Amino acid sequence: MTDPHVHVEVNLVRAGADVRNLLARTFGLVADLPAEVATGCGQRVPRAMTSPRPASVTCLPCREYASEQHRRFADELETLFRMPGATVDGEDSARAVARHRDLAARFAGE
């Protein structure tokens, strides 16, 4: 039987399109995406069965994992970008923190 759930990739915060785009702009190279990925709930599933969008993820352990990862990343950003005028890939640091806190809340169902 196949798993009917949509999961989140274990490297959800750091392996997304934003990171790939930054690497492509910086180095001009982008690695091929793997066909199968590790998930927040500990499984390996086809990449097509994952999503970074809270509304699409149906695996409850993955939703909890994603919420915690976005919350931790927001905390890291707050610590790293305390200097005035700091940006994250052109985005105001406060906006980046707020975006990740919002994603954490949405994955938690808040």
PDB file of N, CA and C in Angstrom:
ATOM      1  N   MET A   1       0.844  -1.186   0.000  1.00  0.00           N
ATOM      2  CA  MET A   1       0.000   0.000   0.000  1.00  0.00           C
ATOM      3  C   MET A   1       0.886   1.246   0.000  1.00  0.00           C
ATOM      4  N   THR A   2       0.529   2.223  -0.777  1.00  0.00           N
ATOM      5  CA  THR A   2       1.308   3.451  -0.842  1.00  0.00           C
ATOM      6  C   THR A   2       0.782   4.461   0.172  1.00  0.00           C
ATOM      7  N   ASP A   3       1.656   5.323   0.607  1.00  0.00           N
ATOM      8  CA  ASP A   3       1.320   6.350   1.583  1.00  0.00           C
ATOM      9  C   ASP A   3       0.531   7.455   0.880  1.00  0.00           C
ATOM     10  N   PRO A   4      -0.698   7.736   1.312  1.00  0.00           N
ATOM     11  CA  PRO A   4      -1.506   8.753   0.632  1.00  0.00           C
ATOM     12  C   PRO A   4      -1.213  10.186   1.098  1.00  0.00           C
ATOM     13  N   HIS A   5      -0.355  10.338   2.104  1.00  0.00           N
ATOM     14  CA  HIS A   5      -0.134  11.666   2.686  1.00  0.00           C
ATOM     15  C   HIS A   5       0.889  12.493   1.912  1.00  0.00           C
ATOM     16  N   VAL A   6       0.739  13.806   2.032  1.00  0.00           N
ATOM     17  CA  VAL A   6       1.722  14.752   1.516  1.00  0.00           C
ATOM     18  C   VAL A   6       2.584  15.148   2.710  1.00  0.00           C
ATOM     19  N   HIS A   7       3.901  15.108   2.523  1.00  0.00           N
ATOM     20  CA  HIS A   7       4.867  15.317   3.599  1.00  0.00           C
ATOM     21  C   HIS A   7       5.646  16.613   3.383  1.00  0.00           C
ATOM     22  N   VAL A   8       6.556  16.909   4.341  1.00  0.00           N
ATOM     23  CA  VAL A   8       7.519  18.000   4.156  1.00  0.00           C
ATOM     24  C   VAL A   8       8.913  17.386   4.122  1.00  0.00           C
ATOM     25  N   GLU A   9       9.770  17.985   3.331  1.00  0.00           N
ATOM     26  CA  GLU A   9      11.151  17.527   3.233  1.00  0.00           C
ATOM     27  C   GLU A   9      11.869  17.849   4.538  1.00  0.00           C
ATOM     28  N   VAL A  10      12.779  16.976   4.953  1.00  0.00           N
ATOM     29  CA  VAL A  10      13.477  17.157   6.214  1.00  0.00           C
ATOM     30  C   VAL A  10      14.278  18.462   6.232  1.00  0.00           C
ATOM     31  N   ASN A  11      14.800  18.900   5.104  1.00  0.00           N
ATOM     32  CA  ASN A  11      15.545  20.156   5.009  1.00  0.00           C
ATOM     33  C   ASN A  11      14.642  21.278   4.527  1.00  0.00           C
ATOM     34  N   LEU A  12      13.439  21.285   4.992  1.00  0.00           N
ATOM     35  CA  LEU A  12      12.390  22.212   4.568  1.00  0.00           C
ATOM     36  C   LEU A  12      12.850  23.663   4.486  1.00  0.00           C
ATOM     37  N   VAL A  13      13.462  24.168   5.518  1.00  0.00           N
ATOM     38  CA  VAL A  13      13.797  25.592   5.588  1.00  0.00           C
ATOM     39  C   VAL A  13      15.005  25.927   4.723  1.00  0.00           C
ATOM     40  N   ARG A  14      15.980  25.041   4.683  1.00  0.00           N
ATOM     41  CA  ARG A  14      17.235  25.362   4.002  1.00  0.00           C
ATOM     42  C   ARG A  14      17.391  24.747   2.617  1.00  0.00           C
ATOM     43  N   ALA A  15      16.447  23.959   2.170  1.00  0.00           N
ATOM     44  CA  ALA A  15      16.590  23.298   0.866  1.00  0.00           C
ATOM     45  C   ALA A  15      15.532  23.741  -0.125  1.00  0.00           C
ATOM     46  N   GLY A  16      14.871  24.813   0.149  1.00  0.00           N
ATOM     47  CA  GLY A  16      13.797  25.273  -0.711  1.00  0.00           C
ATOM     48  C   GLY A  16      14.282  26.004  -1.948  1.00  0.00           C
ATOM     49  N   ALA A  17      13.345  26.466  -2.710  1.00  0.00           N
ATOM     50  CA  ALA A  17      13.638  27.182  -3.953  1.00  0.00           C
ATOM     51  C   ALA A  17      14.459  28.437  -3.703  1.00  0.00           C
ATOM     52  N   ASP A  18      14.209  29.129  -2.581  1.00  0.00           N
ATOM     53  CA  ASP A  18      14.969  30.352  -2.281  1.00  0.00           C
ATOM     54  C   ASP A  18      16.465  30.050  -2.174  1.00  0.00           C
ATOM     55  N   VAL A  19      16.796  28.954  -1.500  1.00  0.00           N
ATOM     56  CA  VAL A  19      18.200  28.585  -1.332  1.00  0.00           C
ATOM     57  C   VAL A  19      18.800  28.179  -2.669  1.00  0.00           C
ATOM     58  N   ARG A  20      18.074  27.369  -3.453  1.00  0.00           N
ATOM     59  CA  ARG A  20      18.585  26.967  -4.770  1.00  0.00           C
ATOM     60  C   ARG A  20      18.795  28.188  -5.664  1.00  0.00           C
ATOM     61  N   ASN A  21      17.870  29.144  -5.628  1.00  0.00           N
ATOM     62  CA  ASN A  21      18.015  30.354  -6.437  1.00  0.00           C
ATOM     63  C   ASN A  21      19.226  31.174  -6.005  1.00  0.00           C
ATOM     64  N   LEU A  22      19.438  31.290  -4.691  1.00  0.00           N
ATOM     65  CA  LEU A  22      20.600  32.020  -4.185  1.00  0.00           C
ATOM     66  C   LEU A  22      21.893  31.357  -4.640  1.00  0.00           C
ATOM     67  N   LEU A  23      21.971  30.031  -4.554  1.00  0.00           N
ATOM     68  CA  LEU A  23      23.162  29.317  -5.009  1.00  0.00           C
ATOM     69  C   LEU A  23      23.368  29.476  -6.513  1.00  0.00           C
ATOM     70  N   ALA A  24      22.289  29.429  -7.257  1.00  0.00           N
ATOM     71  CA  ALA A  24      22.402  29.589  -8.706  1.00  0.00           C
ATOM     72  C   ALA A  24      22.917  30.979  -9.071  1.00  0.00           C
ATOM     73  N   ARG A  25      22.405  32.000  -8.383  1.00  0.00           N
ATOM     74  CA  ARG A  25      22.867  33.374  -8.647  1.00  0.00           C
ATOM     75  C   ARG A  25      24.317  33.557  -8.214  1.00  0.00           C
ATOM     76  N   THR A  26      24.703  32.919  -7.126  1.00  0.00           N
ATOM     77  CA  THR A  26      26.050  33.088  -6.591  1.00  0.00           C
ATOM     78  C   THR A  26      27.089  32.316  -7.392  1.00  0.00           C
ATOM     79  N   PHE A  27      26.819  31.055  -7.671  1.00  0.00           N
ATOM     80  CA  PHE A  27      27.818  30.197  -8.292  1.00  0.00           C
ATOM     81  C   PHE A  27      27.507  29.796  -9.728  1.00  0.00           C
ATOM     82  N   GLY A  28      26.284  30.037 -10.170  1.00  0.00           N
ATOM     83  CA  GLY A  28      25.915  29.673 -11.527  1.00  0.00           C
ATOM     84  C   GLY A  28      25.647  28.194 -11.715  1.00  0.00           C
ATOM     85  N   LEU A  29      25.589  27.440 -10.625  1.00  0.00           N
ATOM     86  CA  LEU A  29      25.360  26.006 -10.702  1.00  0.00           C
ATOM     87  C   LEU A  29      24.252  25.595  -9.741  1.00  0.00           C
ATOM     88  N   VAL A  30      23.481  24.620 -10.159  1.00  0.00           N
ATOM     89  CA  VAL A  30      22.455  24.068  -9.280  1.00  0.00           C
ATOM     90  C   VAL A  30      22.460  22.558  -9.451  1.00  0.00           C
ATOM     91  N   ALA A  31      22.481  21.855  -8.338  1.00  0.00           N
ATOM     92  CA  ALA A  31      22.471  20.389  -8.387  1.00  0.00           C
ATOM     93  C   ALA A  31      21.101  19.885  -8.797  1.00  0.00           C
ATOM     94  N   ASP A  32      21.079  18.694  -9.387  1.00  0.00           N
ATOM     95  CA  ASP A  32      19.808  18.054  -9.709  1.00  0.00           C
ATOM     96  C   ASP A  32      19.077  17.707  -8.420  1.00  0.00           C
ATOM     97  N   LEU A  33      17.763  17.811  -8.458  1.00  0.00           N
ATOM     98  CA  LEU A  33      16.959  17.449  -7.294  1.00  0.00           C
ATOM     99  C   LEU A  33      16.817  15.940  -7.236  1.00  0.00           C
ATOM    100  N   PRO A  34      16.935  15.351  -6.037  1.00  0.00           N
ATOM    101  CA  PRO A  34      16.769  13.901  -5.932  1.00  0.00           C
ATOM    102  C   PRO A  34      15.313  13.509  -6.156  1.00  0.00           C
ATOM    103  N   ALA A  35      15.100  12.308  -6.663  1.00  0.00           N
ATOM    104  CA  ALA A  35      13.733  11.822  -6.912  1.00  0.00           C
ATOM    105  C   ALA A  35      13.035  11.465  -5.608  1.00  0.00           C
ATOM    106  N   GLU A  36      13.823  11.051  -4.610  1.00  0.00           N
ATOM    107  CA  GLU A  36      13.265  10.635  -3.328  1.00  0.00           C
ATOM    108  C   GLU A  36      13.948  11.429  -2.216  1.00  0.00           C
ATOM    109  N   VAL A  37      13.180  11.837  -1.195  1.00  0.00           N
ATOM    110  CA  VAL A  37      13.725  12.669  -0.121  1.00  0.00           C
ATOM    111  C   VAL A  37      13.305  12.138   1.248  1.00  0.00           C
ATOM    112  N   ALA A  38      14.097  12.490   2.261  1.00  0.00           N
ATOM    113  CA  ALA A  38      13.737  12.196   3.646  1.00  0.00           C
ATOM    114  C   ALA A  38      12.698  13.226   4.089  1.00  0.00           C
ATOM    115  N   THR A  39      11.784  12.788   4.951  1.00  0.00           N
ATOM    116  CA  THR A  39      10.710  13.672   5.394  1.00  0.00           C
ATOM    117  C   THR A  39      10.806  13.953   6.887  1.00  0.00           C
ATOM    118  N   GLY A  40      10.044  14.937   7.324  1.00  0.00           N
ATOM    119  CA  GLY A  40      10.015  15.318   8.728  1.00  0.00           C
ATOM    120  C   GLY A  40       9.532  14.220   9.650  1.00  0.00           C
ATOM    121  N   CYS A  41       8.781  13.264   9.129  1.00  0.00           N
ATOM    122  CA  CYS A  41       8.270  12.155   9.950  1.00  0.00           C
ATOM    123  C   CYS A  41       9.182  10.933   9.899  1.00  0.00           C
ATOM    124  N   GLY A  42      10.320  11.048   9.190  1.00  0.00           N
ATOM    125  CA  GLY A  42      11.283   9.963   9.167  1.00  0.00           C
ATOM    126  C   GLY A  42      11.171   8.991   8.007  1.00  0.00           C
ATOM    127  N   GLN A  43      10.257   9.222   7.087  1.00  0.00           N
ATOM    128  CA  GLN A  43      10.121   8.334   5.931  1.00  0.00           C
ATOM    129  C   GLN A  43      10.950   8.851   4.762  1.00  0.00           C
ATOM    130  N   ARG A  44      11.072   8.047   3.733  1.00  0.00           N
ATOM    131  CA  ARG A  44      11.615   8.470   2.439  1.00  0.00           C
ATOM    132  C   ARG A  44      10.481   8.328   1.443  1.00  0.00           C
ATOM    133  N   VAL A  45      10.189   9.413   0.750  1.00  0.00           N
ATOM    134  CA  VAL A  45       9.079   9.414  -0.204  1.00  0.00           C
ATOM    135  C   VAL A  45       9.513  10.113  -1.486  1.00  0.00           C
ATOM    136  N   PRO A  46       8.781   9.902  -2.590  1.00  0.00           N
ATOM    137  CA  PRO A  46       9.078  10.645  -3.807  1.00  0.00           C
ATOM    138  C   PRO A  46       8.922  12.152  -3.556  1.00  0.00           C
ATOM    139  N   ARG A  47       9.814  12.944  -4.142  1.00  0.00           N
ATOM    140  CA  ARG A  47       9.759  14.400  -3.974  1.00  0.00           C
ATOM    141  C   ARG A  47       8.371  14.936  -4.327  1.00  0.00           C
ATOM    142  N   ALA A  48       7.721  14.307  -5.291  1.00  0.00           N
ATOM    143  CA  ALA A  48       6.394  14.764  -5.715  1.00  0.00           C
ATOM    144  C   ALA A  48       5.352  14.649  -4.596  1.00  0.00           C
ATOM    145  N   MET A  49       5.657  13.870  -3.560  1.00  0.00           N
ATOM    146  CA  MET A  49       4.726  13.710  -2.434  1.00  0.00           C
ATOM    147  C   MET A  49       5.084  14.621  -1.262  1.00  0.00           C
ATOM    148  N   THR A  50       5.833  15.705  -1.541  1.00  0.00           N
ATOM    149  CA  THR A  50       6.183  16.676  -0.510  1.00  0.00           C
ATOM    150  C   THR A  50       5.728  18.061  -0.945  1.00  0.00           C
ATOM    151  N   SER A  51       5.583  18.934   0.040  1.00  0.00           N
ATOM    152  CA  SER A  51       5.197  20.308  -0.248  1.00  0.00           C
ATOM    153  C   SER A  51       5.696  21.216   0.869  1.00  0.00           C
ATOM    154  N   PRO A  52       6.118  22.440   0.540  1.00  0.00           N
ATOM    155  CA  PRO A  52       6.498  23.402   1.575  1.00  0.00           C
ATOM    156  C   PRO A  52       5.303  24.237   2.041  1.00  0.00           C
ATOM    157  N   ARG A  53       4.130  24.021   1.425  1.00  0.00           N
ATOM    158  CA  ARG A  53       2.942  24.834   1.731  1.00  0.00           C
ATOM    159  C   ARG A  53       2.089  24.169   2.804  1.00  0.00           C
ATOM    160  N   PRO A  54       1.796  24.874   3.894  1.00  0.00           N
ATOM    161  CA  PRO A  54       1.019  24.285   4.994  1.00  0.00           C
ATOM    162  C   PRO A  54      -0.324  23.700   4.558  1.00  0.00           C
ATOM    163  N   ALA A  55      -1.007  24.331   3.642  1.00  0.00           N
ATOM    164  CA  ALA A  55      -2.331  23.857   3.225  1.00  0.00           C
ATOM    165  C   ALA A  55      -2.269  22.519   2.499  1.00  0.00           C
ATOM    166  N   SER A  56      -1.111  22.161   1.967  1.00  0.00           N
ATOM    167  CA  SER A  56      -0.982  20.925   1.192  1.00  0.00           C
ATOM    168  C   SER A  56      -0.521  19.730   2.017  1.00  0.00           C
ATOM    169  N   VAL A  57       0.131  19.956   3.141  1.00  0.00           N
ATOM    170  CA  VAL A  57       0.719  18.875   3.926  1.00  0.00           C
ATOM    171  C   VAL A  57      -0.358  18.183   4.765  1.00  0.00           C
ATOM    172  N   THR A  58      -0.499  16.866   4.570  1.00  0.00           N
ATOM    173  CA  THR A  58      -1.528  16.110   5.283  1.00  0.00           C
ATOM    174  C   THR A  58      -0.963  15.179   6.353  1.00  0.00           C
ATOM    175  N   CYS A  59       0.342  14.994   6.401  1.00  0.00           N
ATOM    176  CA  CYS A  59       0.984  14.147   7.410  1.00  0.00           C
ATOM    177  C   CYS A  59       1.138  14.971   8.693  1.00  0.00           C
ATOM    178  N   LEU A  60       0.458  14.568   9.754  1.00  0.00           N
ATOM    179  CA  LEU A  60       0.489  15.339  11.002  1.00  0.00           C
ATOM    180  C   LEU A  60       1.883  15.432  11.631  1.00  0.00           C
ATOM    181  N   PRO A  61       2.664  14.347  11.699  1.00  0.00           N
ATOM    182  CA  PRO A  61       4.025  14.492  12.234  1.00  0.00           C
ATOM    183  C   PRO A  61       4.878  15.455  11.395  1.00  0.00           C
ATOM    184  N   CYS A  62       4.680  15.463  10.092  1.00  0.00           N
ATOM    185  CA  CYS A  62       5.419  16.393   9.227  1.00  0.00           C
ATOM    186  C   CYS A  62       4.980  17.833   9.491  1.00  0.00           C
ATOM    187  N   ARG A  63       3.696  18.040   9.741  1.00  0.00           N
ATOM    188  CA  ARG A  63       3.207  19.394  10.047  1.00  0.00           C
ATOM    189  C   ARG A  63       3.845  19.900  11.341  1.00  0.00           C
ATOM    190  N   GLU A  64       3.913  19.022  12.362  1.00  0.00           N
ATOM    191  CA  GLU A  64       4.551  19.396  13.626  1.00  0.00           C
ATOM    192  C   GLU A  64       6.028  19.696  13.418  1.00  0.00           C
ATOM    193  N   TYR A  65       6.687  18.855  12.634  1.00  0.00           N
ATOM    194  CA  TYR A  65       8.105  19.046  12.336  1.00  0.00           C
ATOM    195  C   TYR A  65       8.322  20.387  11.622  1.00  0.00           C
ATOM    196  N   ALA A  66       7.518  20.673  10.611  1.00  0.00           N
ATOM    197  CA  ALA A  66       7.665  21.908   9.838  1.00  0.00           C
ATOM    198  C   ALA A  66       7.418  23.134  10.713  1.00  0.00           C
ATOM    199  N   SER A  67       6.428  23.051  11.578  1.00  0.00           N
ATOM    200  CA  SER A  67       6.139  24.167  12.475  1.00  0.00           C
ATOM    201  C   SER A  67       7.354  24.459  13.359  1.00  0.00           C
ATOM    202  N   GLU A  68       7.914  23.419  13.930  1.00  0.00           N
ATOM    203  CA  GLU A  68       9.083  23.591  14.806  1.00  0.00           C
ATOM    204  C   GLU A  68      10.279  24.124  14.022  1.00  0.00           C
ATOM    205  N   GLN A  69      10.511  23.610  12.806  1.00  0.00           N
ATOM    206  CA  GLN A  69      11.644  24.070  12.000  1.00  0.00           C
ATOM    207  C   GLN A  69      11.513  25.544  11.628  1.00  0.00           C
ATOM    208  N   HIS A  70      10.327  25.979  11.237  1.00  0.00           N
ATOM    209  CA  HIS A  70      10.132  27.391  10.901  1.00  0.00           C
ATOM    210  C   HIS A  70      10.269  28.269  12.142  1.00  0.00           C
ATOM    211  N   ARG A  71       9.783  27.793  13.270  1.00  0.00           N
ATOM    212  CA  ARG A  71       9.913  28.555  14.519  1.00  0.00           C
ATOM    213  C   ARG A  71      11.390  28.702  14.903  1.00  0.00           C
ATOM    214  N   ARG A  72      12.142  27.614  14.812  1.00  0.00           N
ATOM    215  CA  ARG A  72      13.578  27.669  15.129  1.00  0.00           C
ATOM    216  C   ARG A  72      14.331  28.577  14.165  1.00  0.00           C
ATOM    217  N   PHE A  73      13.993  28.492  12.880  1.00  0.00           N
ATOM    218  CA  PHE A  73      14.672  29.325  11.888  1.00  0.00           C
ATOM    219  C   PHE A  73      14.381  30.804  12.135  1.00  0.00           C
ATOM    220  N   ALA A  74      13.153  31.134  12.506  1.00  0.00           N
ATOM    221  CA  ALA A  74      12.812  32.520  12.838  1.00  0.00           C
ATOM    222  C   ALA A  74      13.645  32.997  14.022  1.00  0.00           C
ATOM    223  N   ASP A  75      13.807  32.144  15.024  1.00  0.00           N
ATOM    224  CA  ASP A  75      14.641  32.490  16.184  1.00  0.00           C
ATOM    225  C   ASP A  75      16.090  32.731  15.758  1.00  0.00           C
ATOM    226  N   GLU A  76      16.615  31.863  14.876  1.00  0.00           N
ATOM    227  CA  GLU A  76      17.984  32.025  14.379  1.00  0.00           C
ATOM    228  C   GLU A  76      18.138  33.340  13.624  1.00  0.00           C
ATOM    229  N   LEU A  77      17.159  33.659  12.779  1.00  0.00           N
ATOM    230  CA  LEU A  77      17.222  34.908  12.024  1.00  0.00           C
ATOM    231  C   LEU A  77      17.224  36.110  12.957  1.00  0.00           C
ATOM    232  N   GLU A  78      16.394  36.062  13.986  1.00  0.00           N
ATOM    233  CA  GLU A  78      16.370  37.168  14.948  1.00  0.00           C
ATOM    234  C   GLU A  78      17.729  37.358  15.605  1.00  0.00           C
ATOM    235  N   THR A  79      18.369  36.260  15.934  1.00  0.00           N
ATOM    236  CA  THR A  79      19.686  36.336  16.568  1.00  0.00           C
ATOM    237  C   THR A  79      20.746  36.847  15.594  1.00  0.00           C
ATOM    238  N   LEU A  80      20.727  36.328  14.375  1.00  0.00           N
ATOM    239  CA  LEU A  80      21.752  36.681  13.393  1.00  0.00           C
ATOM    240  C   LEU A  80      21.624  38.103  12.849  1.00  0.00           C
ATOM    241  N   PHE A  81      20.408  38.585  12.756  1.00  0.00           N
ATOM    242  CA  PHE A  81      20.191  39.858  12.085  1.00  0.00           C
ATOM    243  C   PHE A  81      19.691  40.938  13.035  1.00  0.00           C
ATOM    244  N   ARG A  82      20.361  41.071  14.156  1.00  0.00           N
ATOM    245  CA  ARG A  82      19.988  42.125  15.119  1.00  0.00           C
ATOM    246  C   ARG A  82      20.511  43.489  14.703  1.00  0.00           C
ATOM    247  N   MET A  83      21.427  43.528  13.759  1.00  0.00           N
ATOM    248  CA  MET A  83      21.973  44.819  13.339  1.00  0.00           C
ATOM    249  C   MET A  83      20.959  45.567  12.480  1.00  0.00           C
ATOM    250  N   PRO A  84      20.903  46.892  12.609  1.00  0.00           N
ATOM    251  CA  PRO A  84      19.939  47.690  11.838  1.00  0.00           C
ATOM    252  C   PRO A  84      20.189  47.566  10.331  1.00  0.00           C
ATOM    253  N   GLY A  85      19.104  47.483   9.587  1.00  0.00           N
ATOM    254  CA  GLY A  85      19.188  47.454   8.134  1.00  0.00           C
ATOM    255  C   GLY A  85      19.602  46.125   7.542  1.00  0.00           C
ATOM    256  N   ALA A  86      19.691  45.090   8.370  1.00  0.00           N
ATOM    257  CA  ALA A  86      20.093  43.772   7.858  1.00  0.00           C
ATOM    258  C   ALA A  86      19.014  43.232   6.928  1.00  0.00           C
ATOM    259  N   THR A  87      19.458  42.520   5.898  1.00  0.00           N
ATOM    260  CA  THR A  87      18.517  41.922   4.952  1.00  0.00           C
ATOM    261  C   THR A  87      18.821  40.446   4.780  1.00  0.00           C
ATOM    262  N   VAL A  88      17.832  39.692   4.358  1.00  0.00           N
ATOM    263  CA  VAL A  88      17.972  38.283   4.045  1.00  0.00           C
ATOM    264  C   VAL A  88      17.618  38.146   2.579  1.00  0.00           C
ATOM    265  N   ASP A  89      18.651  38.040   1.718  1.00  0.00           N
ATOM    266  CA  ASP A  89      18.447  37.941   0.276  1.00  0.00           C
ATOM    267  C   ASP A  89      17.516  39.049  -0.217  1.00  0.00           C
ATOM    268  N   GLY A  90      17.774  40.276   0.247  1.00  0.00           N
ATOM    269  CA  GLY A  90      17.000  41.429  -0.190  1.00  0.00           C
ATOM    270  C   GLY A  90      15.742  41.678   0.614  1.00  0.00           C
ATOM    271  N   GLU A  91      15.397  40.769   1.508  1.00  0.00           N
ATOM    272  CA  GLU A  91      14.184  40.913   2.315  1.00  0.00           C
ATOM    273  C   GLU A  91      14.577  41.486   3.676  1.00  0.00           C
ATOM    274  N   ASP A  92      13.834  42.456   4.153  1.00  0.00           N
ATOM    275  CA  ASP A  92      14.057  43.013   5.475  1.00  0.00           C
ATOM    276  C   ASP A  92      14.053  41.881   6.490  1.00  0.00           C
ATOM    277  N   SER A  93      14.999  41.896   7.426  1.00  0.00           N
ATOM    278  CA  SER A  93      15.123  40.791   8.377  1.00  0.00           C
ATOM    279  C   SER A  93      13.862  40.616   9.220  1.00  0.00           C
ATOM    280  N   ALA A  94      13.227  41.703   9.627  1.00  0.00           N
ATOM    281  CA  ALA A  94      11.996  41.591  10.420  1.00  0.00           C
ATOM    282  C   ALA A  94      10.896  40.914   9.609  1.00  0.00           C
ATOM    283  N   ARG A  95      10.836  41.209   8.324  1.00  0.00           N
ATOM    284  CA  ARG A  95       9.837  40.578   7.458  1.00  0.00           C
ATOM    285  C   ARG A  95      10.119  39.095   7.288  1.00  0.00           C
ATOM    286  N   ALA A  96      11.398  38.729   7.165  1.00  0.00           N
ATOM    287  CA  ALA A  96      11.763  37.317   7.030  1.00  0.00           C
ATOM    288  C   ALA A  96      11.392  36.548   8.299  1.00  0.00           C
ATOM    289  N   VAL A  97      11.657  37.139   9.453  1.00  0.00           N
ATOM    290  CA  VAL A  97      11.302  36.500  10.728  1.00  0.00           C
ATOM    291  C   VAL A  97       9.790  36.333  10.809  1.00  0.00           C
ATOM    292  N   ALA A  98       9.054  37.386  10.473  1.00  0.00           N
ATOM    293  CA  ALA A  98       7.586  37.326  10.532  1.00  0.00           C
ATOM    294  C   ALA A  98       7.040  36.268   9.572  1.00  0.00           C
ATOM    295  N   ARG A  99       7.645  36.145   8.398  1.00  0.00           N
ATOM    296  CA  ARG A  99       7.189  35.155   7.412  1.00  0.00           C
ATOM    297  C   ARG A  99       7.362  33.741   7.959  1.00  0.00           C
ATOM    298  N   HIS A 100       8.510  33.467   8.587  1.00  0.00           N
ATOM    299  CA  HIS A 100       8.738  32.125   9.131  1.00  0.00           C
ATOM    300  C   HIS A 100       7.865  31.859  10.358  1.00  0.00           C
ATOM    301  N   ARG A 101       7.613  32.871  11.165  1.00  0.00           N
ATOM    302  CA  ARG A 101       6.706  32.693  12.311  1.00  0.00           C
ATOM    303  C   ARG A 101       5.281  32.411  11.810  1.00  0.00           C
ATOM    304  N   ASP A 102       4.878  33.085  10.725  1.00  0.00           N
ATOM    305  CA  ASP A 102       3.560  32.842  10.147  1.00  0.00           C
ATOM    306  C   ASP A 102       3.474  31.409   9.611  1.00  0.00           C
ATOM    307  N   LEU A 103       4.501  30.956   8.918  1.00  0.00           N
ATOM    308  CA  LEU A 103       4.498  29.581   8.409  1.00  0.00           C
ATOM    309  C   LEU A 103       4.458  28.582   9.557  1.00  0.00           C
ATOM    310  N   ALA A 104       5.177  28.850  10.647  1.00  0.00           N
ATOM    311  CA  ALA A 104       5.153  27.965  11.812  1.00  0.00           C
ATOM    312  C   ALA A 104       3.743  27.866  12.368  1.00  0.00           C
ATOM    313  N   ALA A 105       3.060  28.999  12.474  1.00  0.00           N
ATOM    314  CA  ALA A 105       1.687  29.007  12.995  1.00  0.00           C
ATOM    315  C   ALA A 105       0.737  28.274  12.059  1.00  0.00           C
ATOM    316  N   ARG A 106       0.903  28.471  10.753  1.00  0.00           N
ATOM    317  CA  ARG A 106       0.023  27.812   9.789  1.00  0.00           C
ATOM    318  C   ARG A 106       0.227  26.296   9.792  1.00  0.00           C
ATOM    319  N   PHE A 107       1.471  25.833   9.908  1.00  0.00           N
ATOM    320  CA  PHE A 107       1.716  24.390   9.986  1.00  0.00           C
ATOM    321  C   PHE A 107       1.138  23.823  11.273  1.00  0.00           C
ATOM    322  N   ALA A 108       1.135  24.623  12.344  1.00  0.00           N
ATOM    323  CA  ALA A 108       0.580  24.164  13.623  1.00  0.00           C
ATOM    324  C   ALA A 108      -0.942  24.243  13.642  1.00  0.00           C
ATOM    325  N   GLY A 109      -1.527  24.818  12.604  1.00  0.00           N
ATOM    326  CA  GLY A 109      -2.980  24.923  12.524  1.00  0.00           C
ATOM    327  C   GLY A 109      -3.544  26.091  13.316  1.00  0.00           C
ATOM    328  N   GLU A 110      -2.696  27.044  13.643  1.00  0.00           N
ATOM    329  CA  GLU A 110      -3.119  28.221  14.412  1.00  0.00           C
ATOM    330  C   GLU A 110      -3.737  29.263  13.513  1.00  0.00           C
TER     331      GLU A 110
END
